[in-house]
Amino acid sequence: MALYDELGGDGGVAAAVDNFYARMLDDSQLAGWFDSVDLHQLKSHQRAFLAVGLGGPELYDGRSMRTAHSGLGISDEIYTASVGHLSDALTEIGVDAGVLRQVIRRIEMMRAAIVEVH
């Protein structure tokens, strides 16, 4: 079974993304990153991207992770905080610990494409 299905398909992915961004916006260290962002569009892209990354339907047609995050100055610290919020969001919606580890492992594989080393 794909991680996408284990997460609960479209509904599980949507709940995870909504919970994730609620946490990101509540974090004073991260909230400012979203001041000039169309959150509705960002969530839509994130749902599609997460679905593909978890073996679900291939609906993501956005930019590569490297291109989408280039020039934003995302540090390891910011990325780690974001991964922590995703982990907490998935835990809160009841994702199994084994599935959670697999999801986070996949997200960590993208760190090099998103973090800018200075």
PDB file of N, CA and C in Angstrom:
ATOM      1  N   MET A   1       0.849  -1.181   0.000  1.00  0.00           N
ATOM      2  CA  MET A   1       0.000   0.000   0.000  1.00  0.00           C
ATOM      3  C   MET A   1       0.892   1.241   0.000  1.00  0.00           C
ATOM      4  N   ALA A   2       0.562   2.214  -0.815  1.00  0.00           N
ATOM      5  CA  ALA A   2       1.326   3.461  -0.896  1.00  0.00           C
ATOM      6  C   ALA A   2       1.163   4.262   0.389  1.00  0.00           C
ATOM      7  N   LEU A   3       2.190   5.028   0.729  1.00  0.00           N
ATOM      8  CA  LEU A   3       2.107   5.901   1.898  1.00  0.00           C
ATOM      9  C   LEU A   3       0.916   6.854   1.781  1.00  0.00           C
ATOM     10  N   TYR A   4       0.621   7.268   0.564  1.00  0.00           N
ATOM     11  CA  TYR A   4      -0.525   8.139   0.300  1.00  0.00           C
ATOM     12  C   TYR A   4      -1.806   7.516   0.848  1.00  0.00           C
ATOM     13  N   ASP A   5      -2.015   6.234   0.562  1.00  0.00           N
ATOM     14  CA  ASP A   5      -3.206   5.533   1.042  1.00  0.00           C
ATOM     15  C   ASP A   5      -3.163   5.348   2.553  1.00  0.00           C
ATOM     16  N   GLU A   6      -1.986   5.052   3.085  1.00  0.00           N
ATOM     17  CA  GLU A   6      -1.853   4.870   4.528  1.00  0.00           C
ATOM     18  C   GLU A   6      -2.117   6.169   5.279  1.00  0.00           C
ATOM     19  N   LEU A   7      -1.871   7.294   4.619  1.00  0.00           N
ATOM     20  CA  LEU A   7      -2.121   8.597   5.222  1.00  0.00           C
ATOM     21  C   LEU A   7      -3.598   8.962   5.161  1.00  0.00           C
ATOM     22  N   GLY A   8      -4.360   8.248   4.330  1.00  0.00           N
ATOM     23  CA  GLY A   8      -5.794   8.500   4.220  1.00  0.00           C
ATOM     24  C   GLY A   8      -6.204   9.129   2.903  1.00  0.00           C
ATOM     25  N   GLY A   9      -5.344   9.015   1.884  1.00  0.00           N
ATOM     26  CA  GLY A   9      -5.677   9.543   0.570  1.00  0.00           C
ATOM     27  C   GLY A   9      -5.833  11.053   0.579  1.00  0.00           C
ATOM     28  N   ASP A  10      -6.706  11.557  -0.296  1.00  0.00           N
ATOM     29  CA  ASP A  10      -6.899  13.009  -0.436  1.00  0.00           C
ATOM     30  C   ASP A  10      -7.266  13.671   0.891  1.00  0.00           C
ATOM     31  N   GLY A  11      -8.161  13.042   1.627  1.00  0.00           N
ATOM     32  CA  GLY A  11      -8.605  13.628   2.900  1.00  0.00           C
ATOM     33  C   GLY A  11      -7.492  13.714   3.922  1.00  0.00           C
ATOM     34  N   GLY A  12      -6.694  12.659   4.011  1.00  0.00           N
ATOM     35  CA  GLY A  12      -5.578  12.656   4.952  1.00  0.00           C
ATOM     36  C   GLY A  12      -4.519  13.675   4.580  1.00  0.00           C
ATOM     37  N   VAL A  13      -4.234  13.773   3.294  1.00  0.00           N
ATOM     38  CA  VAL A  13      -3.240  14.741   2.824  1.00  0.00           C
ATOM     39  C   VAL A  13      -3.736  16.164   3.083  1.00  0.00           C
ATOM     40  N   ALA A  14      -4.996  16.431   2.791  1.00  0.00           N
ATOM     41  CA  ALA A  14      -5.558  17.765   3.022  1.00  0.00           C
ATOM     42  C   ALA A  14      -5.511  18.130   4.503  1.00  0.00           C
ATOM     43  N   ALA A  15      -5.873  17.195   5.363  1.00  0.00           N
ATOM     44  CA  ALA A  15      -5.839  17.447   6.805  1.00  0.00           C
ATOM     45  C   ALA A  15      -4.409  17.701   7.274  1.00  0.00           C
ATOM     46  N   ALA A  16      -3.472  16.925   6.753  1.00  0.00           N
ATOM     47  CA  ALA A  16      -2.071  17.104   7.128  1.00  0.00           C
ATOM     48  C   ALA A  16      -1.563  18.477   6.706  1.00  0.00           C
ATOM     49  N   VAL A  17      -1.870  18.887   5.485  1.00  0.00           N
ATOM     50  CA  VAL A  17      -1.402  20.175   4.972  1.00  0.00           C
ATOM     51  C   VAL A  17      -2.037  21.325   5.756  1.00  0.00           C
ATOM     52  N   ASP A  18      -3.333  21.257   6.029  1.00  0.00           N
ATOM     53  CA  ASP A  18      -3.996  22.314   6.801  1.00  0.00           C
ATOM     54  C   ASP A  18      -3.396  22.426   8.198  1.00  0.00           C
ATOM     55  N   ASN A  19      -3.194  21.293   8.845  1.00  0.00           N
ATOM     56  CA  ASN A  19      -2.626  21.276  10.190  1.00  0.00           C
ATOM     57  C   ASN A  19      -1.191  21.803  10.159  1.00  0.00           C
ATOM     58  N   PHE A  20      -0.419  21.391   9.155  1.00  0.00           N
ATOM     59  CA  PHE A  20       0.967  21.824   9.005  1.00  0.00           C
ATOM     60  C   PHE A  20       1.058  23.347   8.893  1.00  0.00           C
ATOM     61  N   TYR A  21       0.253  23.944   7.999  1.00  0.00           N
ATOM     62  CA  TYR A  21       0.334  25.391   7.820  1.00  0.00           C
ATOM     63  C   TYR A  21      -0.219  26.153   9.014  1.00  0.00           C
ATOM     64  N   ALA A  22      -1.176  25.608   9.714  1.00  0.00           N
ATOM     65  CA  ALA A  22      -1.645  26.250  10.952  1.00  0.00           C
ATOM     66  C   ALA A  22      -0.491  26.327  11.947  1.00  0.00           C
ATOM     67  N   ARG A  23       0.281  25.266  12.035  1.00  0.00           N
ATOM     68  CA  ARG A  23       1.433  25.241  12.942  1.00  0.00           C
ATOM     69  C   ARG A  23       2.523  26.210  12.485  1.00  0.00           C
ATOM     70  N   MET A  24       2.771  26.247  11.191  1.00  0.00           N
ATOM     71  CA  MET A  24       3.802  27.135  10.646  1.00  0.00           C
ATOM     72  C   MET A  24       3.430  28.597  10.923  1.00  0.00           C
ATOM     73  N   LEU A  25       2.157  28.939  10.739  1.00  0.00           N
ATOM     74  CA  LEU A  25       1.718  30.315  10.946  1.00  0.00           C
ATOM     75  C   LEU A  25       1.666  30.705  12.422  1.00  0.00           C
ATOM     76  N   ASP A  26       1.556  29.712  13.295  1.00  0.00           N
ATOM     77  CA  ASP A  26       1.569  29.977  14.739  1.00  0.00           C
ATOM     78  C   ASP A  26       2.987  30.096  15.295  1.00  0.00           C
ATOM     79  N   ASP A  27       3.976  29.755  14.490  1.00  0.00           N
ATOM     80  CA  ASP A  27       5.374  29.787  14.914  1.00  0.00           C
ATOM     81  C   ASP A  27       5.957  31.153  14.544  1.00  0.00           C
ATOM     82  N   SER A  28       6.295  31.958  15.545  1.00  0.00           N
ATOM     83  CA  SER A  28       6.782  33.316  15.277  1.00  0.00           C
ATOM     84  C   SER A  28       8.072  33.319  14.460  1.00  0.00           C
ATOM     85  N   GLN A  29       8.850  32.263  14.532  1.00  0.00           N
ATOM     86  CA  GLN A  29      10.085  32.155  13.755  1.00  0.00           C
ATOM     87  C   GLN A  29       9.783  31.939  12.268  1.00  0.00           C
ATOM     88  N   LEU A  30       8.636  31.349  11.955  1.00  0.00           N
ATOM     89  CA  LEU A  30       8.330  30.969  10.574  1.00  0.00           C
ATOM     90  C   LEU A  30       7.207  31.767   9.925  1.00  0.00           C
ATOM     91  N   ALA A  31       6.323  32.337  10.702  1.00  0.00           N
ATOM     92  CA  ALA A  31       5.123  32.979  10.163  1.00  0.00           C
ATOM     93  C   ALA A  31       5.442  34.057   9.127  1.00  0.00           C
ATOM     94  N   GLY A  32       6.489  34.817   9.338  1.00  0.00           N
ATOM     95  CA  GLY A  32       6.844  35.892   8.426  1.00  0.00           C
ATOM     96  C   GLY A  32       7.164  35.432   7.019  1.00  0.00           C
ATOM     97  N   TRP A  33       7.544  34.191   6.860  1.00  0.00           N
ATOM     98  CA  TRP A  33       7.857  33.645   5.541  1.00  0.00           C
ATOM     99  C   TRP A  33       6.617  33.623   4.647  1.00  0.00           C
ATOM    100  N   PHE A  34       5.449  33.723   5.254  1.00  0.00           N
ATOM    101  CA  PHE A  34       4.199  33.574   4.505  1.00  0.00           C
ATOM    102  C   PHE A  34       3.412  34.880   4.373  1.00  0.00           C
ATOM    103  N   ASP A  35       4.022  35.993   4.766  1.00  0.00           N
ATOM    104  CA  ASP A  35       3.333  37.287   4.728  1.00  0.00           C
ATOM    105  C   ASP A  35       2.815  37.646   3.335  1.00  0.00           C
ATOM    106  N   SER A  36       3.595  37.420   2.316  1.00  0.00           N
ATOM    107  CA  SER A  36       3.186  37.827   0.962  1.00  0.00           C
ATOM    108  C   SER A  36       2.887  36.625   0.067  1.00  0.00           C
ATOM    109  N   VAL A  37       2.503  35.535   0.684  1.00  0.00           N
ATOM    110  CA  VAL A  37       2.245  34.289  -0.047  1.00  0.00           C
ATOM    111  C   VAL A  37       0.740  34.041  -0.143  1.00  0.00           C
ATOM    112  N   ASP A  38       0.294  33.602  -1.304  1.00  0.00           N
ATOM    113  CA  ASP A  38      -1.096  33.177  -1.485  1.00  0.00           C
ATOM    114  C   ASP A  38      -1.217  31.805  -0.831  1.00  0.00           C
ATOM    115  N   LEU A  39      -1.686  31.785   0.405  1.00  0.00           N
ATOM    116  CA  LEU A  39      -1.720  30.544   1.182  1.00  0.00           C
ATOM    117  C   LEU A  39      -2.637  29.502   0.563  1.00  0.00           C
ATOM    118  N   HIS A  40      -3.724  29.934  -0.041  1.00  0.00           N
ATOM    119  CA  HIS A  40      -4.633  28.991  -0.693  1.00  0.00           C
ATOM    120  C   HIS A  40      -3.900  28.248  -1.821  1.00  0.00           C
ATOM    121  N   GLN A  41      -3.193  29.001  -2.635  1.00  0.00           N
ATOM    122  CA  GLN A  41      -2.440  28.385  -3.736  1.00  0.00           C
ATOM    123  C   GLN A  41      -1.298  27.519  -3.201  1.00  0.00           C
ATOM    124  N   LEU A  42      -0.607  28.002  -2.181  1.00  0.00           N
ATOM    125  CA  LEU A  42       0.494  27.241  -1.601  1.00  0.00           C
ATOM    126  C   LEU A  42       0.003  25.902  -1.047  1.00  0.00           C
ATOM    127  N   LYS A  43      -1.125  25.920  -0.345  1.00  0.00           N
ATOM    128  CA  LYS A  43      -1.679  24.681   0.196  1.00  0.00           C
ATOM    129  C   LYS A  43      -2.064  23.723  -0.930  1.00  0.00           C
ATOM    130  N   SER A  44      -2.619  24.259  -2.000  1.00  0.00           N
ATOM    131  CA  SER A  44      -2.991  23.421  -3.143  1.00  0.00           C
ATOM    132  C   SER A  44      -1.760  22.739  -3.739  1.00  0.00           C
ATOM    133  N   HIS A  45      -0.695  23.512  -3.930  1.00  0.00           N
ATOM    134  CA  HIS A  45       0.557  22.944  -4.446  1.00  0.00           C
ATOM    135  C   HIS A  45       1.120  21.912  -3.469  1.00  0.00           C
ATOM    136  N   GLN A  46       1.062  22.229  -2.181  1.00  0.00           N
ATOM    137  CA  GLN A  46       1.610  21.325  -1.173  1.00  0.00           C
ATOM    138  C   GLN A  46       0.836  20.006  -1.130  1.00  0.00           C
ATOM    139  N   ARG A  47      -0.488  20.081  -1.241  1.00  0.00           N
ATOM    140  CA  ARG A  47      -1.290  18.844  -1.256  1.00  0.00           C
ATOM    141  C   ARG A  47      -0.914  17.981  -2.457  1.00  0.00           C
ATOM    142  N   ALA A  48      -0.817  18.602  -3.628  1.00  0.00           N
ATOM    143  CA  ALA A  48      -0.478  17.854  -4.843  1.00  0.00           C
ATOM    144  C   ALA A  48       0.936  17.295  -4.752  1.00  0.00           C
ATOM    145  N   PHE A  49       1.879  18.097  -4.256  1.00  0.00           N
ATOM    146  CA  PHE A  49       3.258  17.653  -4.132  1.00  0.00           C
ATOM    147  C   PHE A  49       3.372  16.506  -3.135  1.00  0.00           C
ATOM    148  N   LEU A  50       2.737  16.654  -1.989  1.00  0.00           N
ATOM    149  CA  LEU A  50       2.790  15.613  -0.962  1.00  0.00           C
ATOM    150  C   LEU A  50       2.155  14.323  -1.472  1.00  0.00           C
ATOM    151  N   ALA A  51       1.063  14.441  -2.192  1.00  0.00           N
ATOM    152  CA  ALA A  51       0.406  13.248  -2.751  1.00  0.00           C
ATOM    153  C   ALA A  51       1.355  12.497  -3.670  1.00  0.00           C
ATOM    154  N   VAL A  52       2.027  13.196  -4.570  1.00  0.00           N
ATOM    155  CA  VAL A  52       2.976  12.548  -5.484  1.00  0.00           C
ATOM    156  C   VAL A  52       4.124  11.923  -4.699  1.00  0.00           C
ATOM    157  N   GLY A  53       4.651  12.678  -3.744  1.00  0.00           N
ATOM    158  CA  GLY A  53       5.774  12.196  -2.950  1.00  0.00           C
ATOM    159  C   GLY A  53       5.462  10.969  -2.120  1.00  0.00           C
ATOM    160  N   LEU A  54       4.171  10.742  -1.880  1.00  0.00           N
ATOM    161  CA  LEU A  54       3.755   9.598  -1.064  1.00  0.00           C
ATOM    162  C   LEU A  54       3.163   8.468  -1.903  1.00  0.00           C
ATOM    163  N   GLY A  55       3.323   8.570  -3.216  1.00  0.00           N
ATOM    164  CA  GLY A  55       2.865   7.489  -4.081  1.00  0.00           C
ATOM    165  C   GLY A  55       1.419   7.596  -4.514  1.00  0.00           C
ATOM    166  N   GLY A  56       0.828   8.778  -4.377  1.00  0.00           N
ATOM    167  CA  GLY A  56      -0.549   8.993  -4.787  1.00  0.00           C
ATOM    168  C   GLY A  56      -0.624   9.500  -6.216  1.00  0.00           C
ATOM    169  N   PRO A  57      -1.758  10.092  -6.570  1.00  0.00           N
ATOM    170  CA  PRO A  57      -1.940  10.577  -7.945  1.00  0.00           C
ATOM    171  C   PRO A  57      -0.946  11.687  -8.282  1.00  0.00           C
ATOM    172  N   GLU A  58      -0.500  11.690  -9.507  1.00  0.00           N
ATOM    173  CA  GLU A  58       0.489  12.665  -9.962  1.00  0.00           C
ATOM    174  C   GLU A  58      -0.208  13.919 -10.455  1.00  0.00           C
ATOM    175  N   LEU A  59      -0.560  14.786  -9.518  1.00  0.00           N
ATOM    176  CA  LEU A  59      -1.270  16.017  -9.830  1.00  0.00           C
ATOM    177  C   LEU A  59      -0.374  17.240  -9.723  1.00  0.00           C
ATOM    178  N   TYR A  60       0.851  17.075  -9.231  1.00  0.00           N
ATOM    179  CA  TYR A  60       1.741  18.208  -9.031  1.00  0.00           C
ATOM    180  C   TYR A  60       2.371  18.608 -10.350  1.00  0.00           C
ATOM    181  N   ASP A  61       2.167  19.866 -10.739  1.00  0.00           N
ATOM    182  CA  ASP A  61       2.789  20.362 -11.967  1.00  0.00           C
ATOM    183  C   ASP A  61       3.534  21.662 -11.691  1.00  0.00           C
ATOM    184  N   GLY A  62       3.947  21.834 -10.460  1.00  0.00           N
ATOM    185  CA  GLY A  62       4.665  23.041 -10.063  1.00  0.00           C
ATOM    186  C   GLY A  62       6.149  22.954 -10.370  1.00  0.00           C
ATOM    187  N   ARG A  63       6.849  23.973  -9.901  1.00  0.00           N
ATOM    188  CA  ARG A  63       8.291  24.047 -10.096  1.00  0.00           C
ATOM    189  C   ARG A  63       9.002  22.993  -9.259  1.00  0.00           C
ATOM    190  N   SER A  64      10.257  22.728  -9.594  1.00  0.00           N
ATOM    191  CA  SER A  64      11.053  21.814  -8.780  1.00  0.00           C
ATOM    192  C   SER A  64      11.244  22.430  -7.399  1.00  0.00           C
ATOM    193  N   MET A  65      11.556  21.617  -6.416  1.00  0.00           N
ATOM    194  CA  MET A  65      11.767  22.115  -5.059  1.00  0.00           C
ATOM    195  C   MET A  65      12.914  23.122  -5.037  1.00  0.00           C
ATOM    196  N   ARG A  66      13.968  22.836  -5.770  1.00  0.00           N
ATOM    197  CA  ARG A  66      15.114  23.741  -5.803  1.00  0.00           C
ATOM    198  C   ARG A  66      14.709  25.103  -6.387  1.00  0.00           C
ATOM    199  N   THR A  67      13.992  25.088  -7.490  1.00  0.00           N
ATOM    200  CA  THR A  67      13.562  26.330  -8.136  1.00  0.00           C
ATOM    201  C   THR A  67      12.568  27.088  -7.260  1.00  0.00           C
ATOM    202  N   ALA A  68      11.610  26.388  -6.686  1.00  0.00           N
ATOM    203  CA  ALA A  68      10.571  27.031  -5.875  1.00  0.00           C
ATOM    204  C   ALA A  68      11.134  27.707  -4.629  1.00  0.00           C
ATOM    205  N   HIS A  69      12.236  27.182  -4.093  1.00  0.00           N
ATOM    206  CA  HIS A  69      12.781  27.714  -2.848  1.00  0.00           C
ATOM    207  C   HIS A  69      14.065  28.519  -3.042  1.00  0.00           C
ATOM    208  N   SER A  70      14.536  28.616  -4.267  1.00  0.00           N
ATOM    209  CA  SER A  70      15.773  29.336  -4.556  1.00  0.00           C
ATOM    210  C   SER A  70      15.643  30.810  -4.172  1.00  0.00           C
ATOM    211  N   GLY A  71      16.655  31.312  -3.494  1.00  0.00           N
ATOM    212  CA  GLY A  71      16.673  32.717  -3.116  1.00  0.00           C
ATOM    213  C   GLY A  71      15.913  33.054  -1.849  1.00  0.00           C
ATOM    214  N   LEU A  72      15.268  32.085  -1.249  1.00  0.00           N
ATOM    215  CA  LEU A  72      14.499  32.345  -0.030  1.00  0.00           C
ATOM    216  C   LEU A  72      15.377  32.356   1.224  1.00  0.00           C
ATOM    217  N   GLY A  73      16.586  31.819   1.111  1.00  0.00           N
ATOM    218  CA  GLY A  73      17.492  31.808   2.254  1.00  0.00           C
ATOM    219  C   GLY A  73      17.076  30.850   3.350  1.00  0.00           C
ATOM    220  N   ILE A  74      16.482  29.747   2.983  1.00  0.00           N
ATOM    221  CA  ILE A  74      16.038  28.770   3.979  1.00  0.00           C
ATOM    222  C   ILE A  74      17.256  28.053   4.557  1.00  0.00           C
ATOM    223  N   SER A  75      17.396  28.142   5.863  1.00  0.00           N
ATOM    224  CA  SER A  75      18.525  27.537   6.572  1.00  0.00           C
ATOM    225  C   SER A  75      18.155  26.133   7.061  1.00  0.00           C
ATOM    226  N   ASP A  76      19.175  25.408   7.512  1.00  0.00           N
ATOM    227  CA  ASP A  76      18.923  24.098   8.117  1.00  0.00           C
ATOM    228  C   ASP A  76      17.988  24.233   9.312  1.00  0.00           C
ATOM    229  N   GLU A  77      18.181  25.303  10.086  1.00  0.00           N
ATOM    230  CA  GLU A  77      17.346  25.513  11.274  1.00  0.00           C
ATOM    231  C   GLU A  77      15.873  25.684  10.892  1.00  0.00           C
ATOM    232  N   ILE A  78      15.614  26.471   9.858  1.00  0.00           N
ATOM    233  CA  ILE A  78      14.249  26.693   9.396  1.00  0.00           C
ATOM    234  C   ILE A  78      13.666  25.399   8.842  1.00  0.00           C
ATOM    235  N   TYR A  79      14.460  24.672   8.061  1.00  0.00           N
ATOM    236  CA  TYR A  79      13.980  23.419   7.485  1.00  0.00           C
ATOM    237  C   TYR A  79      13.659  22.419   8.595  1.00  0.00           C
ATOM    238  N   THR A  80      14.538  22.333   9.588  1.00  0.00           N
ATOM    239  CA  THR A  80      14.324  21.404  10.704  1.00  0.00           C
ATOM    240  C   THR A  80      13.051  21.759  11.472  1.00  0.00           C
ATOM    241  N   ALA A  81      12.835  23.053  11.701  1.00  0.00           N
ATOM    242  CA  ALA A  81      11.611  23.486  12.394  1.00  0.00           C
ATOM    243  C   ALA A  81      10.377  23.107  11.573  1.00  0.00           C
ATOM    244  N   SER A  82      10.454  23.284  10.260  1.00  0.00           N
ATOM    245  CA  SER A  82       9.333  22.945   9.382  1.00  0.00           C
ATOM    246  C   SER A  82       9.042  21.453   9.404  1.00  0.00           C
ATOM    247  N   VAL A  83      10.082  20.647   9.362  1.00  0.00           N
ATOM    248  CA  VAL A  83       9.914  19.189   9.425  1.00  0.00           C
ATOM    249  C   VAL A  83       9.287  18.793  10.759  1.00  0.00           C
ATOM    250  N   GLY A  84       9.684  19.468  11.820  1.00  0.00           N
ATOM    251  CA  GLY A  84       9.089  19.204  13.134  1.00  0.00           C
ATOM    252  C   GLY A  84       7.603  19.509  13.146  1.00  0.00           C
ATOM    253  N   HIS A  85       7.216  20.607  12.506  1.00  0.00           N
ATOM    254  CA  HIS A  85       5.793  20.950  12.433  1.00  0.00           C
ATOM    255  C   HIS A  85       5.022  19.934  11.590  1.00  0.00           C
ATOM    256  N   LEU A  86       5.640  19.463  10.520  1.00  0.00           N
ATOM    257  CA  LEU A  86       4.979  18.441   9.708  1.00  0.00           C
ATOM    258  C   LEU A  86       4.810  17.160  10.515  1.00  0.00           C
ATOM    259  N   SER A  87       5.848  16.767  11.219  1.00  0.00           N
ATOM    260  CA  SER A  87       5.772  15.569  12.058  1.00  0.00           C
ATOM    261  C   SER A  87       4.669  15.695  13.102  1.00  0.00           C
ATOM    262  N   ASP A  88       4.597  16.844  13.764  1.00  0.00           N
ATOM    263  CA  ASP A  88       3.558  17.070  14.777  1.00  0.00           C
ATOM    264  C   ASP A  88       2.166  17.068  14.144  1.00  0.00           C
ATOM    265  N   ALA A  89       2.049  17.668  12.950  1.00  0.00           N
ATOM    266  CA  ALA A  89       0.749  17.710  12.261  1.00  0.00           C
ATOM    267  C   ALA A  89       0.285  16.307  11.912  1.00  0.00           C
ATOM    268  N   LEU A  90       1.196  15.497  11.410  1.00  0.00           N
ATOM    269  CA  LEU A  90       0.839  14.119  11.042  1.00  0.00           C
ATOM    270  C   LEU A  90       0.493  13.290  12.271  1.00  0.00           C
ATOM    271  N   THR A  91       1.230  13.494  13.342  1.00  0.00           N
ATOM    272  CA  THR A  91       0.939  12.778  14.592  1.00  0.00           C
ATOM    273  C   THR A  91      -0.448  13.157  15.104  1.00  0.00           C
ATOM    274  N   GLU A  92      -0.758  14.446  15.045  1.00  0.00           N
ATOM    275  CA  GLU A  92      -2.055  14.920  15.551  1.00  0.00           C
ATOM    276  C   GLU A  92      -3.232  14.341  14.784  1.00  0.00           C
ATOM    277  N   ILE A  93      -3.072  14.112  13.483  1.00  0.00           N
ATOM    278  CA  ILE A  93      -4.194  13.547  12.720  1.00  0.00           C
ATOM    279  C   ILE A  93      -4.208  12.022  12.772  1.00  0.00           C
ATOM    280  N   GLY A  94      -3.301  11.431  13.565  1.00  0.00           N
ATOM    281  CA  GLY A  94      -3.354  10.004  13.819  1.00  0.00           C
ATOM    282  C   GLY A  94      -2.538   9.119  12.899  1.00  0.00           C
ATOM    283  N   VAL A  95      -1.529   9.689  12.236  1.00  0.00           N
ATOM    284  CA  VAL A  95      -0.685   8.882  11.359  1.00  0.00           C
ATOM    285  C   VAL A  95       0.146   7.921  12.205  1.00  0.00           C
ATOM    286  N   ASP A  96       0.166   6.668  11.799  1.00  0.00           N
ATOM    287  CA  ASP A  96       0.928   5.620  12.460  1.00  0.00           C
ATOM    288  C   ASP A  96       2.415   5.995  12.521  1.00  0.00           C
ATOM    289  N   ALA A  97       3.075   5.661  13.624  1.00  0.00           N
ATOM    290  CA  ALA A  97       4.479   6.023  13.828  1.00  0.00           C
ATOM    291  C   ALA A  97       5.379   5.494  12.714  1.00  0.00           C
ATOM    292  N   GLY A  98       5.120   4.280  12.220  1.00  0.00           N
ATOM    293  CA  GLY A  98       5.929   3.719  11.138  1.00  0.00           C
ATOM    294  C   GLY A  98       5.748   4.493   9.842  1.00  0.00           C
ATOM    295  N   VAL A  99       4.520   4.881   9.549  1.00  0.00           N
ATOM    296  CA  VAL A  99       4.234   5.676   8.350  1.00  0.00           C
ATOM    297  C   VAL A  99       4.869   7.053   8.512  1.00  0.00           C
ATOM    298  N   LEU A 100       4.759   7.625   9.696  1.00  0.00           N
ATOM    299  CA  LEU A 100       5.347   8.930   9.964  1.00  0.00           C
ATOM    300  C   LEU A 100       6.853   8.913   9.692  1.00  0.00           C
ATOM    301  N   ARG A 101       7.544   7.897  10.154  1.00  0.00           N
ATOM    302  CA  ARG A 101       8.992   7.806   9.916  1.00  0.00           C
ATOM    303  C   ARG A 101       9.307   7.768   8.427  1.00  0.00           C
ATOM    304  N   GLN A 102       8.507   7.038   7.659  1.00  0.00           N
ATOM    305  CA  GLN A 102       8.728   6.957   6.215  1.00  0.00           C
ATOM    306  C   GLN A 102       8.488   8.303   5.531  1.00  0.00           C
ATOM    307  N   VAL A 103       7.437   8.999   5.946  1.00  0.00           N
ATOM    308  CA  VAL A 103       7.136  10.306   5.363  1.00  0.00           C
ATOM    309  C   VAL A 103       8.280  11.273   5.661  1.00  0.00           C
ATOM    310  N   ILE A 104       8.706  11.333   6.911  1.00  0.00           N
ATOM    311  CA  ILE A 104       9.774  12.257   7.296  1.00  0.00           C
ATOM    312  C   ILE A 104      11.074  11.899   6.586  1.00  0.00           C
ATOM    313  N   ARG A 105      11.347  10.641   6.413  1.00  0.00           N
ATOM    314  CA  ARG A 105      12.548  10.218   5.674  1.00  0.00           C
ATOM    315  C   ARG A 105      12.503  10.773   4.248  1.00  0.00           C
ATOM    316  N   ARG A 106      11.347  10.713   3.611  1.00  0.00           N
ATOM    317  CA  ARG A 106      11.206  11.260   2.246  1.00  0.00           C
ATOM    318  C   ARG A 106      11.373  12.771   2.226  1.00  0.00           C
ATOM    319  N   ILE A 107      10.813  13.436   3.225  1.00  0.00           N
ATOM    320  CA  ILE A 107      10.939  14.892   3.306  1.00  0.00           C
ATOM    321  C   ILE A 107      12.405  15.279   3.526  1.00  0.00           C
ATOM    322  N   GLU A 108      13.096  14.528   4.346  1.00  0.00           N
ATOM    323  CA  GLU A 108      14.511  14.815   4.605  1.00  0.00           C
ATOM    324  C   GLU A 108      15.366  14.649   3.344  1.00  0.00           C
ATOM    325  N   MET A 109      14.932  13.816   2.433  1.00  0.00           N
ATOM    326  CA  MET A 109      15.679  13.627   1.183  1.00  0.00           C
ATOM    327  C   MET A 109      15.670  14.905   0.338  1.00  0.00           C
ATOM    328  N   MET A 110      14.749  15.805   0.604  1.00  0.00           N
ATOM    329  CA  MET A 110      14.642  17.049  -0.161  1.00  0.00           C
ATOM    330  C   MET A 110      15.416  18.200   0.475  1.00  0.00           C
ATOM    331  N   ARG A 111      15.994  17.968   1.643  1.00  0.00           N
ATOM    332  CA  ARG A 111      16.687  19.035   2.372  1.00  0.00           C
ATOM    333  C   ARG A 111      17.731  19.725   1.488  1.00  0.00           C
ATOM    334  N   ALA A 112      18.536  18.965   0.776  1.00  0.00           N
ATOM    335  CA  ALA A 112      19.613  19.557  -0.034  1.00  0.00           C
ATOM    336  C   ALA A 112      19.084  20.445  -1.148  1.00  0.00           C
ATOM    337  N   ALA A 113      17.877  20.178  -1.644  1.00  0.00           N
ATOM    338  CA  ALA A 113      17.301  20.979  -2.721  1.00  0.00           C
ATOM    339  C   ALA A 113      16.656  22.261  -2.197  1.00  0.00           C
ATOM    340  N   ILE A 114      16.373  22.323  -0.911  1.00  0.00           N
ATOM    341  CA  ILE A 114      15.619  23.450  -0.357  1.00  0.00           C
ATOM    342  C   ILE A 114      16.497  24.372   0.493  1.00  0.00           C
ATOM    343  N   VAL A 115      17.396  23.791   1.268  1.00  0.00           N
ATOM    344  CA  VAL A 115      18.249  24.596   2.159  1.00  0.00           C
ATOM    345  C   VAL A 115      19.348  25.257   1.339  1.00  0.00           C
ATOM    346  N   GLU A 116      19.549  26.544   1.620  1.00  0.00           N
ATOM    347  CA  GLU A 116      20.639  27.287   0.976  1.00  0.00           C
ATOM    348  C   GLU A 116      21.800  27.400   1.936  1.00  0.00           C
ATOM    349  N   VAL A 117      22.931  26.888   1.519  1.00  0.00           N
ATOM    350  CA  VAL A 117      24.128  26.940   2.345  1.00  0.00           C
ATOM    351  C   VAL A 117      24.822  28.266   2.084  1.00  0.00           C
ATOM    352  N   HIS A 118      25.163  28.960   3.165  1.00  0.00           N
ATOM    353  CA  HIS A 118      25.833  30.271   3.025  1.00  0.00           C
ATOM    354  C   HIS A 118      27.219  30.207   3.596  1.00  0.00           C
TER     355      HIS A 118
END
